[in-house]
Amino acid sequence: MYEKVIGFIRDLYSDKLKDGKGVVPLHAPCFVGNEKKYLDECVDSTFVSSVGAFVDKFEEGIAKYTGAKRTVVCVSGTNALHLAMLLSGVRRDDEVLTQALTFVATCNALSYIGAIPVFIDVDKDTMGLSPKALRKWLSENAEIKEDKTNCRDASRDFEFMPKSGLAAYNKRTGRRIKACVPMHTFGHPVKIDEIADICREWHIELVEDAAESIGSFYKGKHTGTFGNVGAISFNGNKTITTGGGGMLLFNNEEFGAFAKHITTQAKVPHRWAFVHDHVAFNYRMPNVNAALGCAQLEHLEEFVLNKRETASRYATFFKDVPDVDFFTEPSDCRSNYWLNVLIMRDKKAQQEFLQYSNDHGVMTRPVWDLMCNLPMFKDCEIDGLAATRWLADRIVNLPSSVRL
C-alpha cells in the first residue's frame, strides 16, 4: 500500500523534482510574481528597515483581505501572539486556556509574560480547541468573581480594552483565568463562534492563534477576526511568506493604533525628539520583508485555491486506501489546507508510514509533540485530553506546497 501512496505523491508533486528524483518537501514557498521587483524597489529606496511604503501597503492589503479593522505587522507570529496577550491584559501568574495540540510558539508567547497554560481537549473534527470541553472544564473548575488585579504602573500596563470588573478564577489554584487561545490547526478553523460566546460568558479574553490559517474562513468570516485580536504567521513554510514575520488583526482601529505604538518602542511622534511613554518592544517588520509579503499577497487567493485542489486530489485518492482517512475541512469552513493530514489506523501504522515515506523521498511529519509532554509544561493542568492524545497517535502531515 505504501508504495502506491508514495508513487501518487511523487507524481502529484513532479514539479518539485528534477528528472523525477529528489525529496518532495513538506511545504516549500512559492515565488511566481513581483517578489524580486518589489525587493529591488525596496533596496533602491534605501528604506529597508521598519519604515517604508511596503509596510503600510502590506498591512492595508491584509486588512482588506481578512476584513480586520486594523492590522499591525511584527517580526514573527510568536511576537504577534506575545503582544496580543499583553494587550488583552494577561499578566504574570494568570492562567491561559489553550490546547496541547499546537506548535510551541503558542505556549512560549504566554510564558514570556509569566502566565501559565491550562490544556483543554480538542475536537476530532477540527483538531482545534473543543467548545464542549472548554465549557465543561470551566463549569467544573472556575468561578466568576470581582477582578482584584491592580497594576500600579501605567507605563507597564498594556491592557487596552475596558474591563468589566469581573473575572474568571480557577477554584483550585486561585489564579485568574484571563485569556483563551484556540489555534486553527493546520489551517482548519475551530468552532470559533461557540468559543467566543463562552469567553464572553466567563469574562475571558479571546486571543486567536491564526498563525497557520491565512486564507481560511469560518461561516464567511476570516479566522483571527472573531475576538478583539488575532495573530497570523508569515514564516517561510506558511501559505504566503515574508521570510519571517507575523501580523496582528484587530476589530478596533484605536486598539490597533496602540499596538503599533507598542511594537515601535512606544516612540511619541516628533520630527526630531526621542520621547517614549511606555516600556515597549522592537517588534517592527522591516520594509524589505513587507515587500516580499506584498508580492505574495497578490497571489494569496490563487495559492489557496491551488492548495484546495491538491487536497481534493488527496481526498479522492485516499478513498480507495484501506485503514487511512484523509482529513477534510470542518463544517461551515473554507480551509486553506496549509498542511494536509492523514489519520492513520493507530500509532504503529503512523510510525511505519513516517519511516517508509521519509525513506523513499517524500517528506512527512507527525503532529508536534504535545505541549503537556514537554519538560517546561509537564506540570500544567490538563482536562484528560482524550481526543488530543488519540489524534497525536495518528496524524501524519503530507506534502502540501503550492503546485506549479
Protein backbone atom coordinates (compact mmCIF):
# COMPACT_ATOMS: atom_id res chain seq x y z
CA MET A 1 0.00 0.00 0.00
CA TYR A 2 2.72 2.47 0.98
CA GLU A 3 4.47 2.10 -2.38
CA LYS A 4 1.28 3.13 -4.19
CA VAL A 5 0.82 6.17 -1.89
CA ILE A 6 4.41 7.33 -2.38
CA GLY A 7 4.09 6.97 -6.16
CA PHE A 8 0.94 9.08 -6.15
CA ILE A 9 2.53 11.86 -4.08
CA ARG A 10 5.69 11.96 -6.20
CA ASP A 11 3.57 12.20 -9.36
CA LEU A 12 1.41 14.92 -7.76
CA TYR A 13 4.50 16.96 -6.94
CA SER A 14 6.58 16.19 -10.02
CA ASP A 15 7.15 19.96 -10.40
CA LYS A 16 9.26 19.86 -7.22
CA LEU A 17 11.54 17.10 -8.56
CA LYS A 18 14.35 17.15 -11.09
CA ASP A 19 14.21 14.24 -13.52
CA GLY A 20 11.82 12.55 -11.10
CA LYS A 21 14.49 12.47 -8.40
CA GLY A 22 14.95 14.18 -5.06
CA VAL A 23 12.82 14.70 -1.98
CA VAL A 24 9.27 16.07 -2.09
CA PRO A 25 9.25 18.85 0.57
CA LEU A 26 6.52 19.20 3.15
CA HIS A 27 5.76 22.84 2.34
CA ALA A 28 8.05 24.99 0.21
CA PRO A 29 7.45 28.70 -0.52
CA CYS A 30 6.24 29.69 -3.97
CA PHE A 31 7.66 32.79 -5.66
CA VAL A 32 5.97 33.42 -9.02
CA GLY A 33 5.19 37.13 -9.00
CA ASN A 34 6.69 40.51 -8.16
CA GLU A 35 8.97 39.38 -5.32
CA LYS A 36 12.25 40.37 -6.99
CA LYS A 37 10.78 43.56 -8.43
CA TYR A 38 9.50 44.78 -5.06
CA LEU A 39 12.73 43.81 -3.30
CA ASP A 40 14.70 45.83 -5.86
CA GLU A 41 12.37 48.80 -5.32
CA CYS A 42 12.84 48.49 -1.58
CA VAL A 43 16.64 48.42 -1.84
CA ASP A 44 16.67 51.32 -4.30
CA SER A 45 14.54 53.39 -1.91
CA THR A 46 17.11 52.75 0.92
CA PHE A 47 14.15 52.22 3.28
CA VAL A 48 14.92 48.59 4.12
CA SER A 49 14.17 48.75 7.85
CA SER A 50 10.86 49.24 9.63
CA VAL A 51 9.84 52.49 7.92
CA GLY A 52 8.76 52.20 4.29
CA ALA A 53 5.89 52.12 1.85
CA PHE A 54 5.69 48.33 1.69
CA VAL A 55 4.98 48.04 5.42
CA ASP A 56 1.90 50.24 5.09
CA LYS A 57 0.83 48.55 1.85
CA PHE A 58 1.12 45.07 3.33
CA GLU A 59 -0.87 45.98 6.45
CA GLU A 60 -3.60 47.59 4.36
CA GLY A 61 -3.72 44.61 1.98
CA ILE A 62 -4.13 42.04 4.76
CA ALA A 63 -6.76 44.20 6.45
CA LYS A 64 -8.76 44.31 3.23
CA TYR A 65 -8.43 40.57 2.64
CA THR A 66 -9.32 39.49 6.18
CA GLY A 67 -11.88 42.17 6.98
CA ALA A 68 -9.93 43.32 10.05
CA LYS A 69 -10.38 46.97 11.05
CA ARG A 70 -6.62 47.39 11.59
CA THR A 71 -3.54 45.22 11.15
CA VAL A 72 -0.03 45.55 12.58
CA VAL A 73 2.98 43.67 11.19
CA CYS A 74 5.52 42.08 13.53
CA VAL A 75 8.85 40.29 13.21
CA SER A 76 7.23 36.88 13.80
CA GLY A 77 3.97 35.18 14.60
CA THR A 78 5.31 34.49 18.10
CA ASN A 79 5.88 38.24 18.61
CA ALA A 80 2.32 38.85 17.47
CA LEU A 81 0.93 36.31 19.96
CA HIS A 82 3.04 37.72 22.79
CA LEU A 83 1.80 41.23 22.15
CA ALA A 84 -1.80 40.05 21.64
CA MET A 85 -1.81 38.56 25.13
CA LEU A 86 -0.18 41.60 26.72
CA LEU A 87 -2.73 43.88 25.08
CA SER A 88 -5.51 41.59 26.30
CA GLY A 89 -4.35 42.11 29.87
CA VAL A 90 -2.61 38.79 30.51
CA ARG A 91 -0.14 39.19 33.38
CA ARG A 92 2.29 37.13 35.42
CA ASP A 93 0.63 34.15 37.18
CA ASP A 94 -2.56 34.44 35.14
CA GLU A 95 -3.86 31.22 33.59
CA VAL A 96 -4.49 30.95 29.86
CA LEU A 97 -6.74 28.21 28.45
CA THR A 98 -5.35 26.68 25.28
CA GLN A 99 -4.74 23.36 23.54
CA ALA A 100 -1.87 20.90 23.95
CA LEU A 101 -2.05 20.05 20.24
CA THR A 102 -0.28 23.14 18.93
CA PHE A 103 3.13 24.48 17.93
CA VAL A 104 5.29 25.51 20.88
CA ALA A 105 5.05 29.22 19.94
CA THR A 106 1.54 29.35 21.41
CA CYS A 107 2.81 28.45 24.87
CA ASN A 108 6.13 30.26 24.55
CA ALA A 109 4.31 33.55 23.92
CA LEU A 110 2.27 33.37 27.12
CA SER A 111 5.30 32.11 29.06
CA TYR A 112 7.24 35.29 28.19
CA ILE A 113 4.69 37.11 30.36
CA GLY A 114 4.90 34.56 33.16
CA ALA A 115 1.40 33.23 32.51
CA ILE A 116 0.52 29.55 32.93
CA PRO A 117 -1.18 27.39 30.28
CA VAL A 118 -4.10 25.12 31.09
CA PHE A 119 -4.60 22.49 28.40
CA ILE A 120 -8.14 21.74 27.21
CA ASP A 121 -9.08 18.94 24.80
CA VAL A 122 -9.68 19.38 21.07
CA ASP A 123 -12.45 18.14 18.78
CA LYS A 124 -11.58 15.33 16.38
CA ASP A 125 -13.47 17.02 13.55
CA THR A 126 -11.45 20.28 13.77
CA MET A 127 -8.23 19.24 15.56
CA GLY A 128 -8.69 22.52 17.47
CA LEU A 129 -9.96 23.59 20.88
CA SER A 130 -13.29 21.98 21.74
CA PRO A 131 -16.02 24.38 22.92
CA LYS A 132 -17.75 21.47 24.65
CA ALA A 133 -14.59 20.57 26.58
CA LEU A 134 -13.95 24.24 27.34
CA ARG A 135 -17.41 24.79 28.80
CA LYS A 136 -17.18 21.55 30.82
CA TRP A 137 -13.81 22.48 32.34
CA LEU A 138 -14.95 25.99 33.25
CA SER A 139 -18.22 24.80 34.82
CA GLU A 140 -16.33 22.28 36.97
CA ASN A 141 -13.21 24.28 37.83
CA ALA A 142 -13.89 28.02 37.59
CA GLU A 143 -15.97 30.74 39.20
CA ILE A 144 -16.69 34.37 38.34
CA LYS A 145 -15.90 36.99 40.93
CA GLU A 146 -14.58 40.53 41.28
CA ASP A 147 -11.34 41.16 39.39
CA LYS A 148 -8.93 42.34 42.07
CA THR A 149 -5.93 42.71 39.77
CA ASN A 150 -4.45 46.18 40.09
CA CYS A 151 -1.50 47.38 38.01
CA ARG A 152 0.21 50.28 39.77
CA ASP A 153 2.50 51.29 36.92
CA ALA A 154 0.60 52.59 33.89
CA SER A 155 3.78 52.57 31.78
CA ARG A 156 3.84 48.77 32.10
CA ASP A 157 0.10 48.16 31.79
CA PHE A 158 -0.54 47.19 28.18
CA GLU A 159 -4.19 46.22 28.61
CA PHE A 160 -6.16 48.39 26.23
CA MET A 161 -9.78 47.28 26.26
CA PRO A 162 -12.09 48.38 29.12
CA LYS A 163 -12.61 45.93 31.98
CA SER A 164 -15.97 44.61 33.19
CA GLY A 165 -14.83 44.45 36.81
CA LEU A 166 -15.37 40.68 36.84
CA ALA A 167 -13.03 37.81 36.02
CA ALA A 168 -12.93 34.03 35.97
CA TYR A 169 -10.82 32.35 38.65
CA ASN A 170 -9.58 28.80 38.99
CA LYS A 171 -11.21 27.45 42.16
CA ARG A 172 -8.31 25.08 42.84
CA THR A 173 -5.31 27.38 42.23
CA GLY A 174 -6.93 30.75 42.96
CA ARG A 175 -5.36 32.19 39.83
CA ARG A 176 -7.19 34.50 37.44
CA ILE A 177 -8.11 32.91 34.09
CA LYS A 178 -7.51 35.86 31.81
CA ALA A 179 -7.43 34.54 28.25
CA CYS A 180 -8.33 31.67 25.96
CA VAL A 181 -6.12 30.90 22.94
CA PRO A 182 -7.59 28.46 20.39
CA MET A 183 -5.36 27.53 17.46
CA HIS A 184 -6.71 26.84 13.95
CA THR A 185 -4.74 23.63 13.44
CA PHE A 186 -3.12 23.19 10.02
CA GLY A 187 -5.38 25.98 8.73
CA HIS A 188 -8.70 24.33 9.67
CA PRO A 189 -10.95 26.70 11.66
CA VAL A 190 -12.18 25.69 15.09
CA LYS A 191 -15.79 26.30 16.17
CA ILE A 192 -14.71 29.80 16.98
CA ASP A 193 -18.15 31.40 17.34
CA GLU A 194 -19.04 28.96 20.15
CA ILE A 195 -15.70 29.58 21.86
CA ALA A 196 -16.21 33.35 21.59
CA ASP A 197 -19.63 33.02 23.27
CA ILE A 198 -18.14 31.01 26.14
CA CYS A 199 -15.35 33.55 26.61
CA ARG A 200 -17.84 36.42 26.83
CA GLU A 201 -19.95 34.50 29.34
CA TRP A 202 -16.91 33.87 31.58
CA HIS A 203 -15.24 37.30 31.20
CA ILE A 204 -12.24 35.73 29.43
CA GLU A 205 -10.36 37.45 26.60
CA LEU A 206 -10.30 35.58 23.28
CA VAL A 207 -6.92 35.63 21.51
CA GLU A 208 -6.98 33.69 18.23
CA ASP A 209 -3.83 31.86 17.19
CA ALA A 210 -4.47 32.06 13.45
CA ALA A 211 -0.78 31.53 12.65
CA GLU A 212 -1.48 28.77 10.12
CA SER A 213 -4.80 29.91 8.72
CA ILE A 214 -4.31 32.89 6.41
CA GLY A 215 -6.96 32.36 3.72
CA SER A 216 -9.26 30.30 5.97
CA PHE A 217 -12.84 31.38 6.72
CA TYR A 218 -15.44 30.22 9.22
CA LYS A 219 -19.07 30.97 8.34
CA GLY A 220 -17.82 33.53 5.83
CA LYS A 221 -15.57 35.37 8.29
CA HIS A 222 -11.77 35.19 8.27
CA THR A 223 -10.02 33.47 11.15
CA GLY A 224 -8.36 35.82 13.59
CA THR A 225 -11.24 38.33 13.50
CA PHE A 226 -13.70 36.79 15.97
CA GLY A 227 -12.22 38.35 19.11
CA ASN A 228 -10.53 41.66 19.86
CA VAL A 229 -7.22 40.40 18.48
CA GLY A 230 -5.77 37.55 16.42
CA ALA A 231 -2.27 36.63 15.23
CA ILE A 232 -1.02 35.33 11.85
CA SER A 233 2.40 33.94 10.89
CA PHE A 234 4.28 34.53 7.62
CA ASN A 235 7.13 32.13 8.33
CA GLY A 236 8.88 30.57 5.34
CA ASN A 237 6.70 27.45 5.46
CA LYS A 238 3.34 29.24 5.56
CA THR A 239 0.83 29.69 2.70
CA ILE A 240 2.37 33.10 1.97
CA THR A 241 5.66 34.23 3.47
CA THR A 242 7.68 37.31 4.28
CA GLY A 243 10.69 35.13 5.08
CA GLY A 244 9.91 35.55 8.75
CA GLY A 245 7.10 37.65 10.12
CA GLY A 246 3.69 37.90 11.66
CA MET A 247 0.69 40.19 11.93
CA LEU A 248 -1.89 41.25 14.48
CA LEU A 249 -5.54 41.57 13.41
CA PHE A 250 -7.82 43.97 15.27
CA ASN A 251 -11.54 44.67 15.23
CA ASN A 252 -10.92 48.08 16.82
CA GLU A 253 -8.88 50.73 14.98
CA GLU A 254 -7.86 52.51 18.17
CA PHE A 255 -6.71 49.21 19.68
CA GLY A 256 -4.62 48.56 16.55
CA ALA A 257 -3.09 52.04 16.66
CA PHE A 258 -1.99 51.47 20.27
CA ALA A 259 -0.48 48.10 19.27
CA LYS A 260 1.50 49.81 16.50
CA HIS A 261 2.82 52.26 19.09
CA ILE A 262 3.91 49.44 21.43
CA THR A 263 5.65 47.50 18.61
CA THR A 264 7.72 50.58 17.69
CA GLN A 265 9.38 51.22 21.07
CA ALA A 266 6.43 53.46 22.12
CA LYS A 267 8.08 56.44 20.49
CA VAL A 268 5.96 59.57 20.66
CA PRO A 269 5.76 61.04 17.12
CA HIS A 270 8.09 64.04 16.65
CA ARG A 271 10.25 65.23 13.79
CA TRP A 272 13.49 65.02 15.79
CA ALA A 273 12.96 64.37 19.51
CA PHE A 274 13.17 60.88 21.02
CA VAL A 275 10.50 60.56 23.68
CA HIS A 276 8.93 57.24 24.75
CA ASP A 277 5.90 56.78 27.00
CA HIS A 278 5.86 53.01 27.69
CA VAL A 279 8.30 50.18 28.23
CA ALA A 280 7.74 48.68 24.80
CA PHE A 281 9.14 46.42 22.07
CA ASN A 282 11.05 46.49 18.82
CA TYR A 283 8.70 44.07 17.06
CA ARG A 284 8.63 46.00 13.76
CA MET A 285 8.68 44.08 10.49
CA PRO A 286 11.36 45.51 8.16
CA ASN A 287 10.23 47.07 4.90
CA VAL A 288 12.28 44.51 2.96
CA ASN A 289 10.19 41.66 4.44
CA ALA A 290 6.97 43.54 3.81
CA ALA A 291 7.99 43.96 0.16
CA LEU A 292 8.12 40.19 -0.15
CA GLY A 293 4.75 39.97 1.60
CA CYS A 294 3.12 42.43 -0.81
CA ALA A 295 4.16 40.29 -3.77
CA GLN A 296 2.96 37.11 -2.06
CA LEU A 297 -0.38 38.68 -1.13
CA GLU A 298 -1.11 39.35 -4.80
CA HIS A 299 -1.25 35.55 -5.26
CA LEU A 300 -2.79 34.50 -1.93
CA GLU A 301 -6.22 33.54 -3.26
CA GLU A 302 -4.61 31.72 -6.20
CA PHE A 303 -2.39 29.79 -3.75
CA VAL A 304 -5.34 28.84 -1.52
CA LEU A 305 -7.39 27.58 -4.47
CA ASN A 306 -4.36 25.61 -5.69
CA LYS A 307 -3.93 24.01 -2.26
CA ARG A 308 -7.62 23.22 -2.02
CA GLU A 309 -7.44 21.49 -5.40
CA THR A 310 -4.48 19.46 -4.13
CA ALA A 311 -6.49 18.48 -1.05
CA SER A 312 -9.34 17.36 -3.31
CA ARG A 313 -6.94 15.10 -5.22
CA TYR A 314 -5.67 13.63 -1.96
CA ALA A 315 -9.25 13.05 -0.74
CA THR A 316 -10.19 11.23 -3.93
CA PHE A 317 -7.06 9.06 -3.88
CA PHE A 318 -7.31 8.04 -0.23
CA LYS A 319 -10.94 6.94 -0.56
CA ASP A 320 -9.56 3.71 -2.01
CA VAL A 321 -6.77 3.25 0.55
CA PRO A 322 -7.80 0.99 3.47
CA ASP A 323 -7.31 1.96 7.15
CA VAL A 324 -6.43 5.57 6.29
CA ASP A 325 -8.65 8.66 6.47
CA PHE A 326 -7.87 11.95 4.75
CA PHE A 327 -8.88 14.90 6.95
CA THR A 328 -11.30 17.26 5.18
CA GLU A 329 -12.38 20.75 6.21
CA PRO A 330 -14.90 21.02 9.06
CA SER A 331 -18.50 22.14 8.55
CA ASP A 332 -19.10 25.83 7.73
CA CYS A 333 -15.42 26.29 6.81
CA ARG A 334 -13.35 27.31 3.82
CA SER A 335 -9.95 25.94 4.87
CA ASN A 336 -6.63 26.87 3.31
CA TYR A 337 -5.36 23.27 3.81
CA TRP A 338 -2.00 24.66 4.93
CA LEU A 339 -0.81 21.14 5.75
CA ASN A 340 -2.77 18.12 4.57
CA VAL A 341 -3.49 15.46 7.17
CA LEU A 342 -3.85 11.70 7.16
CA ILE A 343 -5.43 9.94 10.14
CA MET A 344 -3.75 6.55 10.41
CA ARG A 345 -5.25 3.41 12.00
CA ASP A 346 -3.07 3.62 15.13
CA LYS A 347 0.35 4.75 16.35
CA LYS A 348 2.09 1.68 14.91
CA ALA A 349 0.73 2.46 11.43
CA GLN A 350 1.65 6.13 11.87
CA GLN A 351 5.27 5.32 12.68
CA GLU A 352 5.54 2.75 9.88
CA PHE A 353 4.27 5.23 7.30
CA LEU A 354 6.52 8.04 8.55
CA GLN A 355 9.51 5.71 8.28
CA TYR A 356 8.62 4.43 4.81
CA SER A 357 7.72 7.78 3.26
CA ASN A 358 10.81 9.61 4.53
CA ASP A 359 13.00 6.69 3.43
CA HIS A 360 11.50 6.97 -0.08
CA GLY A 361 11.88 10.67 -0.78
CA VAL A 362 8.57 12.05 0.48
CA MET A 363 8.79 14.35 3.49
CA THR A 364 6.03 13.60 6.01
CA ARG A 365 5.74 14.61 9.65
CA PRO A 366 3.75 13.71 12.77
CA VAL A 367 1.97 16.41 14.73
CA TRP A 368 4.12 18.38 17.18
CA ASP A 369 4.91 16.69 20.48
CA LEU A 370 2.03 17.61 22.77
CA MET A 371 2.75 20.67 24.92
CA CYS A 372 1.90 18.79 28.11
CA ASN A 373 4.69 16.30 27.29
CA LEU A 374 7.38 18.98 27.07
CA PRO A 375 9.52 19.46 30.19
CA MET A 376 8.59 23.14 30.66
CA PHE A 377 4.83 22.44 30.57
CA LYS A 378 4.61 18.91 32.01
CA ASP A 379 3.15 20.12 35.32
CA CYS A 380 0.41 22.25 33.79
CA GLU A 381 -3.22 21.39 34.41
CA ILE A 382 -4.99 19.27 31.77
CA ASP A 383 -8.55 18.02 31.34
CA GLY A 384 -7.65 14.48 30.28
CA LEU A 385 -7.04 15.30 26.59
CA ALA A 386 -8.61 12.08 25.26
CA ALA A 387 -9.17 13.33 21.69
CA THR A 388 -5.85 15.18 21.73
CA ARG A 389 -3.89 12.02 22.52
CA TRP A 390 -5.92 9.98 20.03
CA LEU A 391 -5.04 12.41 17.23
CA ALA A 392 -1.39 12.70 18.25
CA ASP A 393 -1.01 8.93 17.81
CA ARG A 394 -2.47 9.02 14.28
CA ILE A 395 -1.79 12.32 12.48
CA VAL A 396 0.61 12.39 9.54
CA ASN A 397 1.20 15.59 7.56
CA LEU A 398 1.57 15.15 3.80
CA PRO A 399 3.39 17.41 1.28
CA SER A 400 1.21 20.49 0.80
CA SER A 401 3.15 23.05 -1.24
CA VAL A 402 1.53 25.11 -3.99
CA ARG A 403 1.94 23.08 -7.20
CA LEU A 404 3.20 24.91 -10.28
